[in-house]
C-alpha atoms as a PDB file:
ATOM      1  CA  MET A   1      -0.243  -2.254  11.861  1.00  0.00           C
ATOM      2  CA  LEU A   2       3.069  -2.806  10.630  1.00  0.00           C
ATOM      3  CA  VAL A   3       3.521  -1.288   7.588  1.00  0.00           C
ATOM      4  CA  ILE A   4       6.370  -2.898   5.471  1.00  0.00           C
ATOM      5  CA  ASP A   5       7.667  -2.205   1.884  1.00  0.00           C
ATOM      6  CA  VAL A   6      10.203  -4.848   0.155  1.00  0.00           C
ATOM      7  CA  GLU A   7      12.674  -4.184  -2.667  1.00  0.00           C
ATOM      8  CA  ALA A   8      13.717  -7.246  -4.605  1.00  0.00           C
ATOM      9  CA  SER A   9      16.210  -8.390  -7.146  1.00  0.00           C
ATOM     10  CA  GLY A  10      13.165  -9.606  -9.040  1.00  0.00           C
ATOM     11  CA  THR A  11       9.221 -10.866  -8.599  1.00  0.00           C
ATOM     12  CA  GLU A  12       9.931 -14.421  -8.203  1.00  0.00           C
ATOM     13  CA  LEU A  13      10.271 -15.104  -3.917  1.00  0.00           C
ATOM     14  CA  TRP A  14      12.066 -18.844  -4.814  1.00  0.00           C
ATOM     15  CA  LYS A  15      14.929 -17.434  -7.189  1.00  0.00           C
ATOM     16  CA  HIS A  16      14.933 -13.484  -6.362  1.00  0.00           C
ATOM     17  CA  SER A  17      16.232 -12.148  -3.064  1.00  0.00           C
ATOM     18  CA  ILE A  18      15.331  -9.113  -0.899  1.00  0.00           C
ATOM     19  CA  VAL A  19      17.565  -6.182  -1.358  1.00  0.00           C
ATOM     20  CA  SER A  20      16.078  -3.495   1.156  1.00  0.00           C
ATOM     21  CA  ILE A  21      13.401  -3.762   4.052  1.00  0.00           C
ATOM     22  CA  GLY A  22      11.517  -0.699   4.920  1.00  0.00           C
ATOM     23  CA  ALA A  23       8.896  -0.348   7.535  1.00  0.00           C
ATOM     24  CA  LEU A  24       7.316   1.469  10.489  1.00  0.00           C
ATOM     25  CA  ASP A  25       4.456   1.185  13.204  1.00  0.00           C
ATOM     26  CA  LEU A  26       1.255   2.471  12.493  1.00  0.00           C
ATOM     27  CA  SER A  27       0.427   3.515  16.023  1.00  0.00           C
ATOM     28  CA  ASN A  28       3.825   5.369  16.613  1.00  0.00           C
ATOM     29  CA  PRO A  29       5.203   6.097  13.087  1.00  0.00           C
ATOM     30  CA  THR A  30       8.624   7.730  14.389  1.00  0.00           C
ATOM     31  CA  ASN A  31       9.308   4.014  15.146  1.00  0.00           C
ATOM     32  CA  ARG A  32      10.767   2.905  12.102  1.00  0.00           C
ATOM     33  CA  PHE A  33      12.757   0.244  10.167  1.00  0.00           C
ATOM     34  CA  TYR A  34      15.536   0.526   7.186  1.00  0.00           C
ATOM     35  CA  ALA A  35      17.935  -2.089   5.977  1.00  0.00           C
ATOM     36  CA  GLU A  36      19.659  -2.980   2.910  1.00  0.00           C
ATOM     37  CA  CYS A  37      21.584  -6.203   2.205  1.00  0.00           C
ATOM     38  CA  ARG A  38      23.119  -7.901  -0.927  1.00  0.00           C
ATOM     39  CA  VAL A  39      21.582 -10.576  -2.505  1.00  0.00           C
ATOM     40  CA  TRP A  40      21.385 -14.592  -1.234  1.00  0.00           C
ATOM     41  CA  ASP A  41      24.411 -16.678  -3.001  1.00  0.00           C
ATOM     42  CA  GLY A  42      23.031 -17.536  -6.363  1.00  0.00           C
ATOM     43  CA  ALA A  43      19.846 -15.132  -6.515  1.00  0.00           C
ATOM     44  CA  HIS A  44      18.661 -14.293  -9.671  1.00  0.00           C
ATOM     45  CA  ILE A  45      18.901 -10.607 -10.733  1.00  0.00           C
ATOM     46  CA  MET A  46      16.308  -8.744 -13.194  1.00  0.00           C
ATOM     47  CA  ASP A  47      17.473  -5.640 -14.744  1.00  0.00           C
ATOM     48  CA  GLU A  48      14.047  -4.332 -14.757  1.00  0.00           C
ATOM     49  CA  ALA A  49      13.994  -4.909 -11.136  1.00  0.00           C
ATOM     50  CA  LEU A  50      16.797  -2.292 -10.516  1.00  0.00           C
ATOM     51  CA  ALA A  51      15.236   0.166 -12.913  1.00  0.00           C
ATOM     52  CA  VAL A  52      12.411   0.013 -10.343  1.00  0.00           C
ATOM     53  CA  ASN A  53      14.387   0.189  -6.957  1.00  0.00           C
ATOM     54  CA  GLY A  54      17.374   2.191  -8.131  1.00  0.00           C
ATOM     55  CA  PHE A  55      20.197  -0.299  -7.003  1.00  0.00           C
ATOM     56  CA  LYS A  56      23.566  -1.151  -9.058  1.00  0.00           C
ATOM     57  CA  ARG A  57      24.254  -4.862  -9.342  1.00  0.00           C
ATOM     58  CA  SER A  58      27.460  -4.038  -7.872  1.00  0.00           C
ATOM     59  CA  GLU A  59      25.669  -2.490  -4.667  1.00  0.00           C
ATOM     60  CA  ILE A  60      23.556  -5.696  -4.209  1.00  0.00           C
ATOM     61  CA  LEU A  61      26.422  -7.933  -4.833  1.00  0.00           C
ATOM     62  CA  ASP A  62      28.629  -6.233  -2.595  1.00  0.00           C
ATOM     63  CA  PRO A  63      30.092  -8.554   0.115  1.00  0.00           C
ATOM     64  CA  SER A  64      30.525  -5.522   2.665  1.00  0.00           C
ATOM     65  CA  LYS A  65      26.693  -5.363   2.753  1.00  0.00           C
ATOM     66  CA  PRO A  66      24.539  -7.594   5.263  1.00  0.00           C
ATOM     67  CA  THR A  67      23.217 -10.977   4.323  1.00  0.00           C
ATOM     68  CA  GLU A  68      19.638 -11.020   3.417  1.00  0.00           C
ATOM     69  CA  ALA A  69      19.161 -13.366   6.205  1.00  0.00           C
ATOM     70  CA  GLU A  70      20.650 -10.679   8.701  1.00  0.00           C
ATOM     71  CA  ILE A  71      18.673  -7.748   8.158  1.00  0.00           C
ATOM     72  CA  VAL A  72      15.315 -10.169   8.121  1.00  0.00           C
ATOM     73  CA  HIS A  73      16.430 -11.332  11.640  1.00  0.00           C
ATOM     74  CA  GLU A  74      17.309  -7.813  12.182  1.00  0.00           C
ATOM     75  CA  PHE A  75      13.475  -6.908  10.963  1.00  0.00           C
ATOM     76  CA  LEU A  76      12.067  -9.540  12.953  1.00  0.00           C
ATOM     77  CA  GLN A  77      13.873  -8.196  16.234  1.00  0.00           C
ATOM     78  CA  TRP A  78      13.013  -4.677  15.405  1.00  0.00           C
ATOM     79  CA  SER A  79       9.260  -5.794  15.373  1.00  0.00           C
ATOM     80  CA  GLU A  80       9.060  -8.082  18.507  1.00  0.00           C
ATOM     81  CA  ASN A  81       7.475  -5.472  20.625  1.00  0.00           C
ATOM     82  CA  LEU A  82       4.947  -4.199  18.308  1.00  0.00           C
ATOM     83  CA  VAL A  83       1.921  -3.972  19.752  1.00  0.00           C
ATOM     84  CA  ASP A  84      -0.035  -5.076  16.267  1.00  0.00           C
ATOM     85  CA  ARG A  85       2.126  -6.801  13.753  1.00  0.00           C
ATOM     86  CA  THR A  86      -0.503  -7.183  11.314  1.00  0.00           C
ATOM     87  CA  LEU A  87       1.382  -6.567   7.994  1.00  0.00           C
ATOM     88  CA  ALA A  88      -0.060  -3.660   5.668  1.00  0.00           C
ATOM     89  CA  GLY A  89       1.092  -2.183   2.480  1.00  0.00           C
ATOM     90  CA  GLN A  90       0.444  -1.856  -1.301  1.00  0.00           C
ATOM     91  CA  ASN A  91       0.146  -5.708  -2.346  1.00  0.00           C
ATOM     92  CA  VAL A  92       1.432  -6.585   0.808  1.00  0.00           C
ATOM     93  CA  SER A  93       1.502 -10.359  -0.112  1.00  0.00           C
ATOM     94  CA  PHE A  94       4.464  -9.859  -2.056  1.00  0.00           C
ATOM     95  CA  ASP A  95       6.276  -8.234   0.761  1.00  0.00           C
ATOM     96  CA  ARG A  96       5.061 -10.807   3.470  1.00  0.00           C
ATOM     97  CA  ASP A  97       6.007 -13.886   1.314  1.00  0.00           C
ATOM     98  CA  PHE A  98       9.256 -12.230   0.882  1.00  0.00           C
ATOM     99  CA  VAL A  99      10.199 -11.958   4.028  1.00  0.00           C
ATOM    100  CA  LYS A 100       8.827 -15.787   4.590  1.00  0.00           C
ATOM    101  CA  HIS A 101      10.609 -17.357   2.085  1.00  0.00           C
ATOM    102  CA  ALA A 102      13.905 -15.207   3.017  1.00  0.00           C
ATOM    103  CA  LEU A 103      13.507 -16.503   6.628  1.00  0.00           C
ATOM    104  CA  GLU A 104      12.857 -19.845   5.400  1.00  0.00           C
ATOM    105  CA  ARG A 105      16.536 -19.566   3.286  1.00  0.00           C
ATOM    106  CA  SER A 106      18.049 -18.692   6.783  1.00  0.00           C
ATOM    107  CA  GLY A 107      16.865 -21.512   8.725  1.00  0.00           C
ATOM    108  CA  HIS A 108      14.550 -19.739  10.879  1.00  0.00           C
ATOM    109  CA  SER A 109      11.991 -22.259  11.645  1.00  0.00           C
ATOM    110  CA  GLU A 110       8.954 -20.281  12.709  1.00  0.00           C
ATOM    111  CA  TYR A 111       7.274 -17.260  10.879  1.00  0.00           C
ATOM    112  CA  PRO A 112       5.734 -14.913  12.975  1.00  0.00           C
ATOM    113  CA  PHE A 113       3.416 -12.916  10.907  1.00  0.00           C
ATOM    114  CA  ALA A 114      -0.309 -13.660  10.276  1.00  0.00           C
ATOM    115  CA  TYR A 115      -1.308 -14.852   6.969  1.00  0.00           C
ATOM    116  CA  ARG A 116      -3.929 -11.994   6.749  1.00  0.00           C
ATOM    117  CA  THR A 117      -2.947  -8.766   5.591  1.00  0.00           C
ATOM    118  CA  ILE A 118      -4.427  -4.973   5.440  1.00  0.00           C
ATOM    119  CA  ASP A 119      -3.798  -4.212   1.589  1.00  0.00           C
ATOM    120  CA  THR A 120      -3.921  -0.353   0.715  1.00  0.00           C
ATOM    121  CA  HIS A 121      -5.549  -1.437  -2.845  1.00  0.00           C
ATOM    122  CA  THR A 122      -8.267  -2.939  -1.284  1.00  0.00           C
ATOM    123  CA  LEU A 123      -8.769  -0.119   1.236  1.00  0.00           C
ATOM    124  CA  CYS A 124      -8.566   2.694  -1.584  1.00  0.00           C
ATOM    125  CA  TYR A 125     -11.084   0.438  -3.774  1.00  0.00           C
ATOM    126  CA  MET A 126     -13.967   0.144  -1.129  1.00  0.00           C
ATOM    127  CA  HIS A 127     -13.170   3.857  -0.219  1.00  0.00           C
ATOM    128  CA  MET A 128     -13.938   4.669  -3.568  1.00  0.00           C
ATOM    129  CA  ILE A 129     -17.120   2.518  -3.786  1.00  0.00           C
ATOM    130  CA  ASN A 130     -18.547   4.415  -0.885  1.00  0.00           C
ATOM    131  CA  LYS A 131     -17.893   7.643  -2.222  1.00  0.00           C
ATOM    132  CA  GLY A 132     -19.387   6.738  -5.487  1.00  0.00           C
ATOM    133  CA  ILE A 133     -16.072   6.730  -7.546  1.00  0.00           C
ATOM    134  CA  GLN A 134     -15.860   3.737 -10.140  1.00  0.00           C
ATOM    135  CA  PRO A 135     -11.957   2.798  -9.377  1.00  0.00           C
ATOM    136  CA  PRO A 136      -9.731   2.960 -12.403  1.00  0.00           C
ATOM    137  CA  PHE A 137     -10.222  -0.061 -14.513  1.00  0.00           C
ATOM    138  CA  ASP A 138      -7.411  -2.165 -17.052  1.00  0.00           C
ATOM    139  CA  LYS A 139      -9.734  -3.173 -19.866  1.00  0.00           C
ATOM    140  CA  LYS A 140      -6.774  -4.833 -21.937  1.00  0.00           C
ATOM    141  CA  HIS A 141      -6.122  -7.051 -18.634  1.00  0.00           C
ATOM    142  CA  LYS A 142      -9.524  -7.131 -16.959  1.00  0.00           C
ATOM    143  CA  ARG A 143      -8.356  -6.272 -13.842  1.00  0.00           C
ATOM    144  CA  SER A 144      -8.079  -3.363 -11.718  1.00  0.00           C
ATOM    145  CA  ALA A 145      -5.520  -0.045 -12.344  1.00  0.00           C
ATOM    146  CA  LEU A 146      -5.173   1.013  -8.958  1.00  0.00           C
ATOM    147  CA  ASN A 147      -1.718   0.972  -8.174  1.00  0.00           C
ATOM    148  CA  LEU A 148      -0.087   2.754  -5.457  1.00  0.00           C
ATOM    149  CA  ASP A 149       0.453   5.768  -7.636  1.00  0.00           C
ATOM    150  CA  ALA A 150      -3.400   5.711  -8.268  1.00  0.00           C
ATOM    151  CA  VAL A 151      -3.798   5.473  -4.580  1.00  0.00           C
ATOM    152  CA  MET A 152      -1.501   8.102  -3.619  1.00  0.00           C
ATOM    153  CA  ASN A 153      -3.129  10.702  -6.047  1.00  0.00           C
ATOM    154  CA  TYR A 154      -6.476   9.842  -4.701  1.00  0.00           C
ATOM    155  CA  CYS A 155      -5.463  10.363  -0.981  1.00  0.00           C
ATOM    156  CA  GLY A 156      -4.070  13.713  -2.469  1.00  0.00           C
ATOM    157  CA  ILE A 157      -0.558  12.898  -2.488  1.00  0.00           C
ATOM    158  CA  PRO A 158       1.532  13.059  -5.340  1.00  0.00           C
ATOM    159  CA  ASP A 159       3.319   9.624  -7.220  1.00  0.00           C
ATOM    160  CA  GLU A 160       6.197   7.736  -5.212  1.00  0.00           C
ATOM    161  CA  PRO A 161       9.444   9.269  -5.900  1.00  0.00           C
ATOM    162  CA  GLU A 162      11.381   7.072  -8.377  1.00  0.00           C
ATOM    163  CA  PRO A 163      13.634   4.991  -8.158  1.00  0.00           C
ATOM    164  CA  HIS A 164      11.296   3.491  -4.993  1.00  0.00           C
ATOM    165  CA  ASN A 165      12.898   3.438  -1.698  1.00  0.00           C
ATOM    166  CA  ALA A 166      11.681   0.516   0.765  1.00  0.00           C
ATOM    167  CA  LEU A 167      11.241   3.055   3.561  1.00  0.00           C
ATOM    168  CA  THR A 168       9.954   6.063   1.097  1.00  0.00           C
ATOM    169  CA  GLY A 169       7.287   3.162   0.260  1.00  0.00           C
ATOM    170  CA  ALA A 170       6.597   2.165   3.440  1.00  0.00           C
ATOM    171  CA  LEU A 171       5.738   5.794   4.522  1.00  0.00           C
ATOM    172  CA  SER A 172       3.635   6.412   1.352  1.00  0.00           C
ATOM    173  CA  HIS A 173       1.509   3.026   2.659  1.00  0.00           C
ATOM    174  CA  ALA A 174       1.336   4.144   6.039  1.00  0.00           C
ATOM    175  CA  GLU A 175       0.093   8.058   5.047  1.00  0.00           C
ATOM    176  CA  VAL A 176      -2.631   6.593   2.675  1.00  0.00           C
ATOM    177  CA  ILE A 177      -3.861   3.847   5.063  1.00  0.00           C
ATOM    178  CA  SER A 178      -4.186   6.616   7.631  1.00  0.00           C
ATOM    179  CA  ARG A 179      -5.793   9.059   5.254  1.00  0.00           C
ATOM    180  CA  LEU A 180      -8.294   6.215   4.193  1.00  0.00           C
ATOM    181  CA  LEU A 181      -8.951   4.535   7.549  1.00  0.00           C
ATOM    182  CA  TYR A 182      -9.344   7.198   9.782  1.00  0.00           C
ATOM    183  CA  ASP A 183      -9.745  10.771   7.601  1.00  0.00           C
ATOM    184  CA  ARG A 184      -6.609  11.841   9.227  1.00  0.00           C
ATOM    185  CA  LYS A 185      -3.048  12.991   8.110  1.00  0.00           C
ATOM    186  CA  LEU A 186      -0.236  11.125   9.484  1.00  0.00           C
ATOM    187  CA  LEU A 187       3.189  11.986   8.690  1.00  0.00           C
ATOM    188  CA  PRO A 188       5.256  15.554   8.509  1.00  0.00           C
ATOM    189  CA  GLU A 189       6.715  14.167   5.452  1.00  0.00           C
ATOM    190  CA  PHE A 190       2.912  14.675   3.860  1.00  0.00           C
ATOM    191  CA  GLU A 191       1.497  17.139   6.325  1.00  0.00           C
ATOM    192  CA  HIS A 192       1.084  19.728   3.164  1.00  0.00           C
ATOM    193  CA  TYR A 193      -1.122  17.932   1.075  1.00  0.00           C
ATOM    194  CA  ALA A 194      -4.663  18.089   1.897  1.00  0.00           C
ATOM    195  CA  ILE A 195      -7.182  15.208   1.846  1.00  0.00           C
ATOM    196  CA  PRO A 196      -9.346  15.669  -1.056  1.00  0.00           C
ATOM    197  CA  TRP A 197     -12.584  14.194   0.273  1.00  0.00           C
ATOM    198  CA  LYS A 198     -12.352  16.693   3.287  1.00  0.00           C
ATOM    199  CA  SER A 199     -11.667  19.893   1.375  1.00  0.00           C
END
């Protein structure tokens, strides 16, 4: 399983750019990937997105940084030898689609990842239901309120640090996947946090 987290200059994949990618191989969690880039020429930048990921405009416009195209190709090369390239993460369709569109912008003709993904939201929702726990619900918007922090807290881990970092996000996703699927801890970064349902 390829656990991924993308930070971007906004939420619309056709007009915003990737600014960083973090990933790890769930079967070999020391095999990690992290890269930052400048936005593609003409990409829009949302101040709200920068508030989340902590980048400054000067950093994501820095001409000395690699391009979006360069880091997505570097990410592809890193992932080529993984046994299982099924993408996984929190709301991982966001990350999948940003990588797909970045590859298309770069002229890469073939997208190597499957459309099917493994989402931590779904894993946690099912885990809670199986334990007889009602998942958090946003009554105002009439939808699940099970965001990454809620998933992490359910798994015994504090909120993701702010600002969000793509590698920290990928590590958080991987840890909760291991706890939810296999009832076991995965990463040394989270070793001192107990799994609540095993305590």
